[in-house]
Amino acid sequence: MSDFDAIGIGRRVLAAEADALTAQAAALGEPFTRAVDLLFAAQTPAKAGRIVCTGMGKSGHVARKIAATFASTGSPAFFVHPAEASHGDLGMIAQDDVIVALSKSGEVRELADILAYAKRFSIPLIALTAEPASALGQAADVVLRLAAADEATSEVNAPTTSTTLQMALGDALAVALLERRGFRPQDFRIFHPGGKLGAMLKTVGDLMHGMGEVPTVSADTPMPDTLLVMTEKRWGIVGVTDNAGRLVGAVSDGDLRRHIDGLLAHTAGEVMTAGPKKTVPPGMLASEALALMSDPAPAVTVLFVVEAGQPVGILHVHDILRAGVM
């Protein structure tokens, strides 16, 4: 086995699958648009359809993943095993749903009952298959044809390239659908509250300290009283508000040093830096707030959280880092 070239084989497989993906991208056309239209139409104010993914064998494993991707990007979806469908699970599929069925050959006998059920109840069917003329292709409302490409195995015809194409087409459908629906990072976070991804999708509002901890004074507050608020709240800064409660400036340690001569004879409005230059809304991603803090024009460690011009919270860089946002 000294002449066995594992790296060479690995590169050959990856190159074959990469070429197949390139061919699949080039072949994408009007049926893809129609497929996205069907998926989008399943969820309207008048409908609450789901995306039902199905397939046997390796195609079934891919279908499970595609269903999970749809679900995690805001489109209710689930997997139905074709064999189990014939023994009662057809009842899981409703008339407002859309079926996405995967089979390279399109002639998997276990899919027959699902195809008949879809036809009987006029349930839209999208097929991912290499054979449009197959039973699956003929039954489908839309066929997304897999690009003509050999499997990556040299002698054993194991599903490799074909399942890669199925997976990629599923991803393409999910991404196109989420962009058409206007799905946002804030929406994505709802379905991913845990782990590193959950941390990266936390918002300023999730991490900020509420109004009870926000140091604010009015513009005419004498500096001795302003310093007391600064000391009590321990943020190293105090916000200055106008008569309407809008944030019009802030007094920081730097402002104190710049007005050290006769400081106590001034008011907060006379010492403050107008603005302040950096504030954030509660709906902003914490990662974006961290980038704003790090911006050297100027870099800050504390941000006032402002909504409709009024302070509603305060955020420290340590709050962001403790949450695992980097």
Protein backbone atom coordinates (compact mmCIF):
# COMPACT_ATOMS: atom_id res chain seq x y z
CA MET A 1 0.00 0.00 0.00
CA SER A 2 3.04 2.28 -0.20
CA ASP A 3 1.78 3.78 -3.45
CA PHE A 4 -1.61 4.66 -1.93
CA ASP A 5 -2.13 8.42 -2.41
CA ALA A 6 -4.81 9.53 0.07
CA ILE A 7 -4.20 13.22 -0.57
CA GLY A 8 -4.43 12.76 -4.31
CA ILE A 9 -7.71 10.89 -3.98
CA GLY A 10 -9.10 13.54 -1.64
CA ARG A 11 -8.17 16.29 -4.07
CA ARG A 12 -9.72 14.37 -6.96
CA VAL A 13 -13.01 13.98 -5.09
CA LEU A 14 -13.13 17.63 -4.03
CA ALA A 15 -12.29 18.80 -7.54
CA ALA A 16 -15.01 16.58 -9.04
CA GLU A 17 -17.61 17.92 -6.63
CA ALA A 18 -16.46 21.52 -7.13
CA ASP A 19 -16.80 21.10 -10.91
CA ALA A 20 -20.29 19.67 -10.44
CA LEU A 21 -21.31 22.63 -8.29
CA THR A 22 -20.03 25.04 -10.92
CA ALA A 23 -22.09 23.23 -13.55
CA GLN A 24 -25.14 23.30 -11.26
CA ALA A 25 -24.82 27.06 -10.75
CA ALA A 26 -24.57 27.62 -14.51
CA ALA A 27 -27.65 25.48 -15.14
CA LEU A 28 -29.84 27.29 -12.61
CA GLY A 29 -32.80 28.86 -14.38
CA GLU A 30 -36.48 29.68 -14.35
CA PRO A 31 -37.54 26.48 -12.49
CA PHE A 32 -35.52 27.69 -9.49
CA THR A 33 -37.51 30.94 -9.44
CA ARG A 34 -40.76 28.98 -9.61
CA ALA A 35 -39.61 26.75 -6.75
CA VAL A 36 -38.89 29.78 -4.57
CA ASP A 37 -42.29 31.23 -5.53
CA LEU A 38 -44.03 28.03 -4.38
CA LEU A 39 -42.16 28.01 -1.08
CA PHE A 40 -42.89 31.69 -0.51
CA ALA A 41 -46.58 31.30 -1.31
CA ALA A 42 -46.95 28.59 1.33
CA GLN A 43 -46.82 31.25 4.04
CA THR A 44 -49.15 34.19 3.58
CA PRO A 45 -51.59 35.97 5.91
CA ALA A 46 -54.19 33.46 4.72
CA LYS A 47 -51.99 30.34 4.84
CA ALA A 48 -49.66 28.71 7.34
CA GLY A 49 -48.06 26.05 5.19
CA ARG A 50 -44.90 24.16 6.04
CA ILE A 51 -42.09 22.80 3.89
CA VAL A 52 -42.10 19.00 3.95
CA CYS A 53 -38.77 17.48 2.91
CA THR A 54 -38.54 13.81 2.02
CA GLY A 55 -36.18 11.27 0.48
CA MET A 56 -34.82 7.74 0.96
CA GLY A 57 -31.33 6.63 1.90
CA LYS A 58 -28.63 9.27 1.45
CA SER A 59 -31.17 11.59 -0.16
CA GLY A 60 -33.20 11.26 3.03
CA HIS A 61 -30.25 12.35 5.16
CA VAL A 62 -29.80 15.37 2.91
CA ALA A 63 -33.53 16.12 3.09
CA ARG A 64 -33.32 16.18 6.89
CA LYS A 65 -30.55 18.75 6.70
CA ILE A 66 -32.44 20.89 4.19
CA ALA A 67 -35.50 20.85 6.44
CA ALA A 68 -33.35 21.95 9.37
CA THR A 69 -31.89 24.81 7.31
CA PHE A 70 -35.34 26.02 6.28
CA ALA A 71 -36.58 25.84 9.87
CA SER A 72 -33.58 27.71 11.28
CA THR A 73 -34.09 30.55 8.81
CA GLY A 74 -37.71 31.14 9.70
CA SER A 75 -39.57 28.81 7.32
CA PRO A 76 -41.39 26.06 9.25
CA ALA A 77 -40.15 22.77 7.83
CA PHE A 78 -39.78 19.12 8.80
CA PHE A 79 -38.72 15.76 7.40
CA VAL A 80 -41.13 12.93 6.59
CA HIS A 81 -39.66 9.48 5.99
CA PRO A 82 -41.25 8.01 2.84
CA ALA A 83 -41.66 4.54 4.33
CA GLU A 84 -43.26 5.90 7.50
CA ALA A 85 -45.50 8.11 5.36
CA SER A 86 -47.11 4.96 3.96
CA HIS A 87 -47.94 3.85 7.51
CA GLY A 88 -49.71 6.94 8.81
CA ASP A 89 -47.28 9.84 8.55
CA LEU A 90 -49.03 11.14 5.43
CA GLY A 91 -51.38 12.70 7.97
CA MET A 92 -48.55 15.09 8.89
CA ILE A 93 -48.78 16.73 5.45
CA ALA A 94 -51.48 19.38 5.03
CA GLN A 95 -52.94 20.93 1.90
CA ASP A 96 -51.25 24.29 2.51
CA ASP A 97 -47.81 22.63 2.66
CA VAL A 98 -45.17 22.30 -0.05
CA ILE A 99 -43.28 19.04 -0.55
CA VAL A 100 -39.59 19.00 -1.49
CA ALA A 101 -38.69 15.46 -2.60
CA LEU A 102 -35.12 14.29 -3.26
CA SER A 103 -34.09 11.32 -5.39
CA LYS A 104 -31.27 11.10 -7.92
CA SER A 105 -33.04 8.48 -10.01
CA GLY A 106 -36.56 9.67 -9.27
CA GLU A 107 -37.71 6.05 -9.23
CA VAL A 108 -37.61 5.25 -5.51
CA ARG A 109 -40.67 3.10 -4.88
CA GLU A 110 -41.03 4.31 -1.28
CA LEU A 111 -41.91 7.78 -2.63
CA ALA A 112 -44.94 6.50 -4.57
CA ASP A 113 -47.50 7.07 -1.81
CA ILE A 114 -46.27 10.62 -1.15
CA LEU A 115 -46.49 11.42 -4.87
CA ALA A 116 -50.01 10.05 -5.07
CA TYR A 117 -51.02 11.94 -1.92
CA ALA A 118 -49.63 15.22 -3.29
CA LYS A 119 -51.55 14.76 -6.54
CA ARG A 120 -54.79 13.78 -4.79
CA PHE A 121 -54.82 16.86 -2.54
CA SER A 122 -53.13 19.29 -4.99
CA ILE A 123 -50.13 19.81 -2.72
CA PRO A 124 -47.28 21.56 -4.60
CA LEU A 125 -44.31 19.27 -5.19
CA ILE A 126 -40.72 20.32 -5.91
CA ALA A 127 -38.38 17.57 -7.11
CA LEU A 128 -34.59 17.52 -6.84
CA THR A 129 -33.60 14.77 -9.26
CA ALA A 130 -31.23 13.98 -12.09
CA GLU A 131 -34.05 12.45 -14.15
CA PRO A 132 -36.91 14.82 -15.07
CA ALA A 133 -38.60 12.01 -17.02
CA SER A 134 -38.73 9.77 -13.92
CA ALA A 135 -41.85 9.08 -11.86
CA LEU A 136 -40.80 11.82 -9.42
CA GLY A 137 -40.04 14.29 -12.19
CA GLN A 138 -43.35 13.63 -13.93
CA ALA A 139 -45.32 14.10 -10.71
CA ALA A 140 -43.58 17.33 -9.71
CA ASP A 141 -44.85 20.85 -10.25
CA VAL A 142 -41.25 22.05 -10.47
CA VAL A 143 -38.15 19.98 -11.25
CA LEU A 144 -34.73 21.19 -10.13
CA ARG A 145 -32.54 18.97 -12.25
CA LEU A 146 -29.21 17.86 -10.81
CA ALA A 147 -26.33 18.73 -13.11
CA ALA A 148 -24.96 15.85 -15.17
CA ALA A 149 -21.90 14.72 -13.20
CA ASP A 150 -20.36 11.39 -12.30
CA GLU A 151 -20.19 10.35 -8.68
CA ALA A 152 -16.77 10.98 -7.15
CA THR A 153 -16.13 7.27 -6.64
CA SER A 154 -14.11 5.60 -9.37
CA GLU A 155 -15.72 2.14 -9.33
CA VAL A 156 -18.42 2.05 -6.64
CA ASN A 157 -21.37 4.22 -7.61
CA ALA A 158 -21.92 5.57 -4.08
CA PRO A 159 -23.88 8.83 -3.69
CA THR A 160 -21.25 11.56 -3.39
CA THR A 161 -21.41 14.25 -6.04
CA SER A 162 -25.19 13.86 -6.37
CA THR A 163 -25.83 14.39 -2.66
CA THR A 164 -23.49 17.39 -2.66
CA LEU A 165 -25.59 18.91 -5.44
CA GLN A 166 -28.80 18.16 -3.53
CA MET A 167 -27.39 19.79 -0.40
CA ALA A 168 -26.23 22.86 -2.30
CA LEU A 169 -29.58 23.26 -4.07
CA GLY A 170 -31.33 23.04 -0.71
CA ASP A 171 -29.07 25.77 0.65
CA ALA A 172 -29.72 27.90 -2.44
CA LEU A 173 -33.48 27.55 -1.96
CA ALA A 174 -33.27 28.40 1.73
CA VAL A 175 -31.12 31.48 1.17
CA ALA A 176 -33.22 32.74 -1.71
CA LEU A 177 -36.37 32.26 0.38
CA LEU A 178 -35.01 34.01 3.46
CA GLU A 179 -33.85 36.98 1.39
CA ARG A 180 -37.23 37.22 -0.34
CA ARG A 181 -38.93 37.13 3.06
CA GLY A 182 -36.64 39.86 4.39
CA PHE A 183 -35.30 37.59 7.14
CA ARG A 184 -32.87 39.55 9.36
CA PRO A 185 -30.04 38.63 11.75
CA GLN A 186 -32.36 39.59 14.60
CA ASP A 187 -34.87 37.02 13.35
CA PHE A 188 -32.16 34.39 12.95
CA ARG A 189 -31.18 34.87 16.59
CA ILE A 190 -34.63 33.74 17.75
CA PHE A 191 -33.88 30.25 16.45
CA HIS A 192 -30.24 30.18 17.64
CA PRO A 193 -30.19 31.32 21.29
CA GLY A 194 -27.34 29.02 22.35
CA GLY A 195 -23.61 28.73 21.80
CA LYS A 196 -21.24 31.04 19.98
CA LEU A 197 -23.77 31.83 17.27
CA GLY A 198 -26.31 32.86 19.87
CA ALA A 199 -23.76 35.17 21.47
CA MET A 200 -22.92 36.82 18.15
CA LEU A 201 -26.61 37.48 17.55
CA LYS A 202 -27.34 39.10 20.89
CA THR A 203 -28.58 42.66 20.72
CA VAL A 204 -27.67 45.74 22.71
CA GLY A 205 -31.05 45.48 24.41
CA ASP A 206 -30.18 41.98 25.64
CA LEU A 207 -27.02 43.17 27.38
CA MET A 208 -27.62 46.77 28.41
CA HIS A 209 -28.25 48.03 31.93
CA GLY A 210 -31.68 49.62 32.35
CA MET A 211 -32.66 53.15 33.27
CA GLY A 212 -32.18 52.51 36.98
CA GLU A 213 -28.45 52.32 36.35
CA VAL A 214 -28.15 55.09 33.75
CA PRO A 215 -26.37 58.22 35.09
CA THR A 216 -28.16 61.32 33.81
CA VAL A 217 -28.46 64.95 34.88
CA SER A 218 -30.05 68.03 33.38
CA ALA A 219 -27.93 70.63 31.62
CA ASP A 220 -28.31 73.12 34.47
CA THR A 221 -27.18 70.69 37.17
CA PRO A 222 -24.21 72.15 39.14
CA MET A 223 -21.00 70.19 38.72
CA PRO A 224 -20.79 69.17 42.41
CA ASP A 225 -24.14 67.37 42.01
CA THR A 226 -23.07 66.00 38.63
CA LEU A 227 -19.95 64.50 40.22
CA LEU A 228 -22.08 62.83 42.88
CA VAL A 229 -24.18 61.11 40.19
CA MET A 230 -21.03 60.10 38.32
CA THR A 231 -19.53 58.60 41.45
CA GLU A 232 -22.72 56.83 42.52
CA LYS A 233 -23.31 55.12 39.14
CA ARG A 234 -19.62 54.22 38.62
CA TRP A 235 -19.62 54.33 34.82
CA GLY A 236 -17.03 57.11 34.53
CA ILE A 237 -19.55 59.15 32.54
CA VAL A 238 -22.85 60.93 33.00
CA GLY A 239 -25.42 61.79 30.34
CA VAL A 240 -26.86 65.27 30.05
CA THR A 241 -30.52 65.63 29.06
CA ASP A 242 -32.71 68.57 28.00
CA ASN A 243 -36.15 69.45 29.35
CA ALA A 244 -37.75 66.82 27.06
CA GLY A 245 -35.47 64.07 28.38
CA ARG A 246 -33.42 63.87 25.18
CA LEU A 247 -29.73 63.10 25.46
CA VAL A 248 -27.85 66.24 24.41
CA GLY A 249 -24.37 65.49 25.70
CA ALA A 250 -22.19 63.64 28.17
CA VAL A 251 -19.62 64.49 30.81
CA SER A 252 -16.68 62.08 30.85
CA ASP A 253 -13.44 61.90 32.78
CA GLY A 254 -11.79 63.68 29.87
CA ASP A 255 -14.25 66.57 30.15
CA LEU A 256 -13.45 66.88 33.84
CA ARG A 257 -9.74 67.17 33.12
CA ARG A 258 -10.30 69.77 30.42
CA HIS A 259 -12.32 71.95 32.81
CA ILE A 260 -10.31 71.28 35.96
CA ASP A 261 -9.77 75.00 36.60
CA GLY A 262 -12.93 76.27 38.28
CA LEU A 263 -14.73 72.97 37.59
CA LEU A 264 -17.12 73.17 40.54
CA ALA A 265 -18.36 76.59 39.46
CA HIS A 266 -19.74 75.22 36.20
CA THR A 267 -22.91 73.35 35.25
CA ALA A 268 -23.07 70.01 33.46
CA GLY A 269 -24.16 71.75 30.27
CA GLU A 270 -21.06 73.95 30.31
CA VAL A 271 -18.65 71.04 30.80
CA MET A 272 -20.27 68.35 28.63
CA THR A 273 -19.23 67.21 25.19
CA ALA A 274 -22.25 67.82 23.00
CA GLY A 275 -23.77 64.83 21.26
CA PRO A 276 -22.44 62.48 22.44
CA LYS A 277 -20.84 61.27 19.23
CA LYS A 278 -21.49 57.57 19.85
CA THR A 279 -24.86 56.15 20.91
CA VAL A 280 -26.62 52.92 19.94
CA PRO A 281 -30.24 51.74 19.64
CA PRO A 282 -31.38 48.71 21.68
CA GLY A 283 -32.03 46.69 18.53
CA MET A 284 -28.44 46.90 17.26
CA LEU A 285 -26.40 43.68 17.32
CA ALA A 286 -23.95 43.66 20.23
CA SER A 287 -21.17 42.79 17.78
CA GLU A 288 -21.89 46.02 15.89
CA ALA A 289 -21.82 47.97 19.15
CA LEU A 290 -18.44 46.43 19.97
CA ALA A 291 -17.09 47.52 16.59
CA LEU A 292 -18.38 51.04 17.25
CA MET A 293 -16.66 51.09 20.63
CA SER A 294 -13.40 49.96 19.03
CA ASP A 295 -13.48 52.61 16.31
CA PRO A 296 -10.60 54.96 17.17
CA ALA A 297 -12.61 58.09 16.40
CA PRO A 298 -12.73 57.97 19.42
CA ALA A 299 -12.56 54.53 21.08
CA VAL A 300 -14.90 54.28 24.08
CA THR A 301 -15.75 51.69 26.72
CA VAL A 302 -19.29 52.87 27.50
CA LEU A 303 -22.23 53.65 25.22
CA PHE A 304 -25.56 55.24 25.99
CA VAL A 305 -28.46 53.28 24.55
CA VAL A 306 -30.89 55.73 22.98
CA GLU A 307 -34.39 55.36 21.57
CA ALA A 308 -36.31 58.28 20.05
CA GLY A 309 -33.55 60.57 21.30
CA GLN A 310 -33.94 59.53 24.94
CA PRO A 311 -31.57 57.33 26.95
CA VAL A 312 -33.06 53.92 27.79
CA GLY A 313 -29.96 52.09 28.97
CA ILE A 314 -26.19 51.98 29.14
CA LEU A 315 -23.73 49.38 27.83
CA HIS A 316 -20.14 48.68 28.88
CA VAL A 317 -17.61 46.82 26.76
CA HIS A 318 -17.26 44.27 29.58
CA ASP A 319 -20.96 43.40 29.22
CA ILE A 320 -20.33 42.49 25.58
CA LEU A 321 -17.18 40.49 26.23
CA ARG A 322 -18.75 38.57 29.10
CA ALA A 323 -21.54 37.50 26.77
CA GLY A 324 -18.96 35.91 24.45
CA VAL A 325 -19.33 38.48 21.66
CA MET A 326 -16.03 39.04 19.89
